[in-house]
Amino acid sequence: MTFNQEVRQLVETAEKRGEDEYRGMDWFQLTDAEASQFGISRAEFPRLLVAWQSYLAFCDIIGPVDAELSPQAVERERLRFPQYFESCVVSDKAFEALASEWCGVAPDKARAMYEKVRAWNRRDAEVEY
């Protein structure tokens, strides 16, 4: 199976879970405040989440299996898009391009997801455990 086929299956599965599955305060969930602030609708969030997790696997930040992708497909995708691959480096421009390629996500929506996760990471870093 190709990377795009795997991603399409993940999007289909994520969208079937329903919007309530993604409500919450963690990075992989969407709060009402985040939806409003970043202009992300609950209906589009599952697709954005799949795009983000696929991108993290592509960048070697998480393992392909953690993103429910095959290692072989991820490696082939890195070879297909070498201009976007830098191990353990996240780029807003690369995510925008690849989210569009893989999931049909508009650049402004990819940017919104990038900023949402970035804001969550900043908030999480400020929390004392």
C-alpha atoms as a PDB file:
ATOM      1  CA  MET A   1       0.000   0.000   0.000  1.00  0.00           C
ATOM      2  CA  THR A   2       1.266   3.503  -0.780  1.00  0.00           C
ATOM      3  CA  PHE A   3       1.694   6.236   1.807  1.00  0.00           C
ATOM      4  CA  ASN A   4      -1.245   8.163   0.340  1.00  0.00           C
ATOM      5  CA  GLN A   5      -3.461   5.071   0.509  1.00  0.00           C
ATOM      6  CA  GLU A   6      -2.514   4.498   4.137  1.00  0.00           C
ATOM      7  CA  VAL A   7      -3.204   8.138   4.982  1.00  0.00           C
ATOM      8  CA  ARG A   8      -6.571   8.063   3.200  1.00  0.00           C
ATOM      9  CA  GLN A   9      -7.582   5.044   5.282  1.00  0.00           C
ATOM     10  CA  LEU A  10      -6.526   6.824   8.466  1.00  0.00           C
ATOM     11  CA  VAL A  11      -8.561   9.900   7.520  1.00  0.00           C
ATOM     12  CA  GLU A  12     -11.617   7.752   6.811  1.00  0.00           C
ATOM     13  CA  THR A  13     -11.286   5.984  10.164  1.00  0.00           C
ATOM     14  CA  ALA A  14     -10.704   9.243  12.049  1.00  0.00           C
ATOM     15  CA  GLU A  15     -13.706  10.934  10.467  1.00  0.00           C
ATOM     16  CA  LYS A  16     -15.946   7.972  11.334  1.00  0.00           C
ATOM     17  CA  ARG A  17     -15.093   8.347  15.025  1.00  0.00           C
ATOM     18  CA  GLY A  18     -17.124  11.549  15.139  1.00  0.00           C
ATOM     19  CA  GLU A  19     -16.398  15.026  16.380  1.00  0.00           C
ATOM     20  CA  ASP A  20     -16.852  14.275  20.083  1.00  0.00           C
ATOM     21  CA  GLU A  21     -13.922  11.840  19.978  1.00  0.00           C
ATOM     22  CA  TYR A  22     -11.587  14.813  19.567  1.00  0.00           C
ATOM     23  CA  ARG A  23     -12.911  17.116  22.303  1.00  0.00           C
ATOM     24  CA  GLY A  24     -10.503  17.761  25.130  1.00  0.00           C
ATOM     25  CA  MET A  25      -7.460  19.586  26.393  1.00  0.00           C
ATOM     26  CA  ASP A  26      -4.596  17.472  25.003  1.00  0.00           C
ATOM     27  CA  TRP A  27      -2.561  18.278  21.889  1.00  0.00           C
ATOM     28  CA  PHE A  28      -4.461  15.707  19.804  1.00  0.00           C
ATOM     29  CA  GLN A  29      -7.803  17.165  20.831  1.00  0.00           C
ATOM     30  CA  LEU A  30      -9.566  20.429  20.086  1.00  0.00           C
ATOM     31  CA  THR A  31     -11.020  22.762  22.683  1.00  0.00           C
ATOM     32  CA  ASP A  32     -13.778  25.226  21.856  1.00  0.00           C
ATOM     33  CA  ALA A  33     -11.295  28.056  22.443  1.00  0.00           C
ATOM     34  CA  GLU A  34      -8.785  26.533  20.002  1.00  0.00           C
ATOM     35  CA  ALA A  35     -11.490  25.977  17.393  1.00  0.00           C
ATOM     36  CA  SER A  36     -12.426  29.636  17.661  1.00  0.00           C
ATOM     37  CA  GLN A  37      -8.896  31.029  17.919  1.00  0.00           C
ATOM     38  CA  PHE A  38      -7.403  29.026  15.044  1.00  0.00           C
ATOM     39  CA  GLY A  39     -10.491  28.771  12.838  1.00  0.00           C
ATOM     40  CA  ILE A  40     -10.567  24.968  12.890  1.00  0.00           C
ATOM     41  CA  SER A  41     -13.961  23.326  12.625  1.00  0.00           C
ATOM     42  CA  ARG A  42     -14.661  20.133  14.506  1.00  0.00           C
ATOM     43  CA  ALA A  43     -15.564  18.429  11.233  1.00  0.00           C
ATOM     44  CA  GLU A  44     -12.162  19.108   9.673  1.00  0.00           C
ATOM     45  CA  PHE A  45     -10.081  18.395  12.760  1.00  0.00           C
ATOM     46  CA  PRO A  46      -9.754  14.587  12.281  1.00  0.00           C
ATOM     47  CA  ARG A  47      -8.214  15.133   8.821  1.00  0.00           C
ATOM     48  CA  LEU A  48      -5.848  17.771  10.218  1.00  0.00           C
ATOM     49  CA  LEU A  49      -4.827  15.442  13.024  1.00  0.00           C
ATOM     50  CA  VAL A  50      -4.026  12.626  10.589  1.00  0.00           C
ATOM     51  CA  ALA A  51      -2.013  15.044   8.463  1.00  0.00           C
ATOM     52  CA  TRP A  52      -0.080  16.211  11.544  1.00  0.00           C
ATOM     53  CA  GLN A  53       0.662  12.714  12.845  1.00  0.00           C
ATOM     54  CA  SER A  54       1.695  11.592   9.369  1.00  0.00           C
ATOM     55  CA  TYR A  55       4.001  14.587   9.154  1.00  0.00           C
ATOM     56  CA  LEU A  56       5.559  13.784  12.539  1.00  0.00           C
ATOM     57  CA  ALA A  57       6.271  10.240  11.313  1.00  0.00           C
ATOM     58  CA  PHE A  58       7.672  11.629   8.058  1.00  0.00           C
ATOM     59  CA  CYS A  59      10.011  13.893  10.085  1.00  0.00           C
ATOM     60  CA  ASP A  60      11.127  10.990  12.280  1.00  0.00           C
ATOM     61  CA  ILE A  61       9.730  12.654  15.397  1.00  0.00           C
ATOM     62  CA  ILE A  62       7.454   9.711  16.098  1.00  0.00           C
ATOM     63  CA  GLY A  63       7.753   6.210  14.754  1.00  0.00           C
ATOM     64  CA  PRO A  64       5.695   5.317  11.699  1.00  0.00           C
ATOM     65  CA  VAL A  65       3.896   2.631  13.683  1.00  0.00           C
ATOM     66  CA  ASP A  66       2.881   5.258  16.274  1.00  0.00           C
ATOM     67  CA  ALA A  67       1.153   7.115  13.436  1.00  0.00           C
ATOM     68  CA  GLU A  68      -0.326   3.824  12.178  1.00  0.00           C
ATOM     69  CA  LEU A  69       1.799   3.973   9.022  1.00  0.00           C
ATOM     70  CA  SER A  70       4.134   1.370   7.620  1.00  0.00           C
ATOM     71  CA  PRO A  71       7.851   2.157   7.929  1.00  0.00           C
ATOM     72  CA  GLN A  72       8.360   1.243   4.269  1.00  0.00           C
ATOM     73  CA  ALA A  73       5.730   3.708   3.057  1.00  0.00           C
ATOM     74  CA  VAL A  74       7.179   6.488   5.214  1.00  0.00           C
ATOM     75  CA  GLU A  75      10.679   5.822   3.909  1.00  0.00           C
ATOM     76  CA  ARG A  76       9.436   5.903   0.305  1.00  0.00           C
ATOM     77  CA  GLU A  77       7.698   9.223   1.033  1.00  0.00           C
ATOM     78  CA  ARG A  78      10.927  10.697   2.387  1.00  0.00           C
ATOM     79  CA  LEU A  79      12.624   9.701  -0.863  1.00  0.00           C
ATOM     80  CA  ARG A  80       9.742  11.169  -2.846  1.00  0.00           C
ATOM     81  CA  PHE A  81       9.934  14.512  -1.012  1.00  0.00           C
ATOM     82  CA  PRO A  82      13.571  14.964   0.017  1.00  0.00           C
ATOM     83  CA  GLN A  83      13.166  18.740  -0.043  1.00  0.00           C
ATOM     84  CA  TYR A  84      10.842  18.467   2.987  1.00  0.00           C
ATOM     85  CA  PHE A  85      12.702  15.853   4.997  1.00  0.00           C
ATOM     86  CA  GLU A  86      15.087  16.852   7.727  1.00  0.00           C
ATOM     87  CA  SER A  87      15.180  14.391  10.604  1.00  0.00           C
ATOM     88  CA  CYS A  88      13.544  15.724  13.772  1.00  0.00           C
ATOM     89  CA  VAL A  89      12.860  19.154  12.269  1.00  0.00           C
ATOM     90  CA  VAL A  90       9.335  20.540  11.894  1.00  0.00           C
ATOM     91  CA  SER A  91       8.687  23.228   9.305  1.00  0.00           C
ATOM     92  CA  ASP A  92       5.466  25.133   8.821  1.00  0.00           C
ATOM     93  CA  LYS A  93       6.036  25.374   5.052  1.00  0.00           C
ATOM     94  CA  ALA A  94       6.813  21.668   4.711  1.00  0.00           C
ATOM     95  CA  PHE A  95       3.732  20.745   6.728  1.00  0.00           C
ATOM     96  CA  GLU A  96       1.543  23.012   4.603  1.00  0.00           C
ATOM     97  CA  ALA A  97       2.815  21.398   1.396  1.00  0.00           C
ATOM     98  CA  LEU A  98       2.616  17.819   2.614  1.00  0.00           C
ATOM     99  CA  ALA A  99      -0.768  18.186   4.333  1.00  0.00           C
ATOM    100  CA  SER A 100      -2.122  19.381   1.005  1.00  0.00           C
ATOM    101  CA  GLU A 101      -0.461  16.526  -0.890  1.00  0.00           C
ATOM    102  CA  TRP A 102      -1.525  13.784   1.512  1.00  0.00           C
ATOM    103  CA  CYS A 103      -4.888  14.941   2.842  1.00  0.00           C
ATOM    104  CA  GLY A 104      -6.106  17.705   0.560  1.00  0.00           C
ATOM    105  CA  VAL A 105      -5.763  20.238   3.378  1.00  0.00           C
ATOM    106  CA  ALA A 106      -5.761  23.882   2.313  1.00  0.00           C
ATOM    107  CA  PRO A 107      -2.586  25.793   3.283  1.00  0.00           C
ATOM    108  CA  ASP A 108      -4.465  28.098   5.672  1.00  0.00           C
ATOM    109  CA  LYS A 109      -5.925  25.103   7.507  1.00  0.00           C
ATOM    110  CA  ALA A 110      -2.529  23.393   7.698  1.00  0.00           C
ATOM    111  CA  ARG A 111      -1.119  26.633   9.117  1.00  0.00           C
ATOM    112  CA  ALA A 112      -3.951  26.714  11.668  1.00  0.00           C
ATOM    113  CA  MET A 113      -3.119  23.164  12.805  1.00  0.00           C
ATOM    114  CA  TYR A 114       0.583  23.990  12.983  1.00  0.00           C
ATOM    115  CA  GLU A 115      -0.151  27.047  15.138  1.00  0.00           C
ATOM    116  CA  LYS A 116      -2.611  25.124  17.335  1.00  0.00           C
ATOM    117  CA  VAL A 117      -0.013  22.458  18.158  1.00  0.00           C
ATOM    118  CA  ARG A 118       2.682  25.091  18.600  1.00  0.00           C
ATOM    119  CA  ALA A 119       0.507  26.994  21.077  1.00  0.00           C
ATOM    120  CA  TRP A 120      -0.292  23.794  22.949  1.00  0.00           C
ATOM    121  CA  ASN A 121       3.417  22.963  23.199  1.00  0.00           C
ATOM    122  CA  ARG A 122       4.128  26.423  24.625  1.00  0.00           C
ATOM    123  CA  ARG A 123       1.333  26.032  27.193  1.00  0.00           C
ATOM    124  CA  ASP A 124       2.501  22.547  28.137  1.00  0.00           C
ATOM    125  CA  ALA A 125       6.074  23.751  28.625  1.00  0.00           C
ATOM    126  CA  GLU A 126       4.833  26.373  31.091  1.00  0.00           C
ATOM    127  CA  VAL A 127       3.002  23.846  33.284  1.00  0.00           C
ATOM    128  CA  GLU A 128       4.929  22.692  36.335  1.00  0.00           C
ATOM    129  CA  TYR A 129       4.459  19.029  37.090  1.00  0.00           C
END
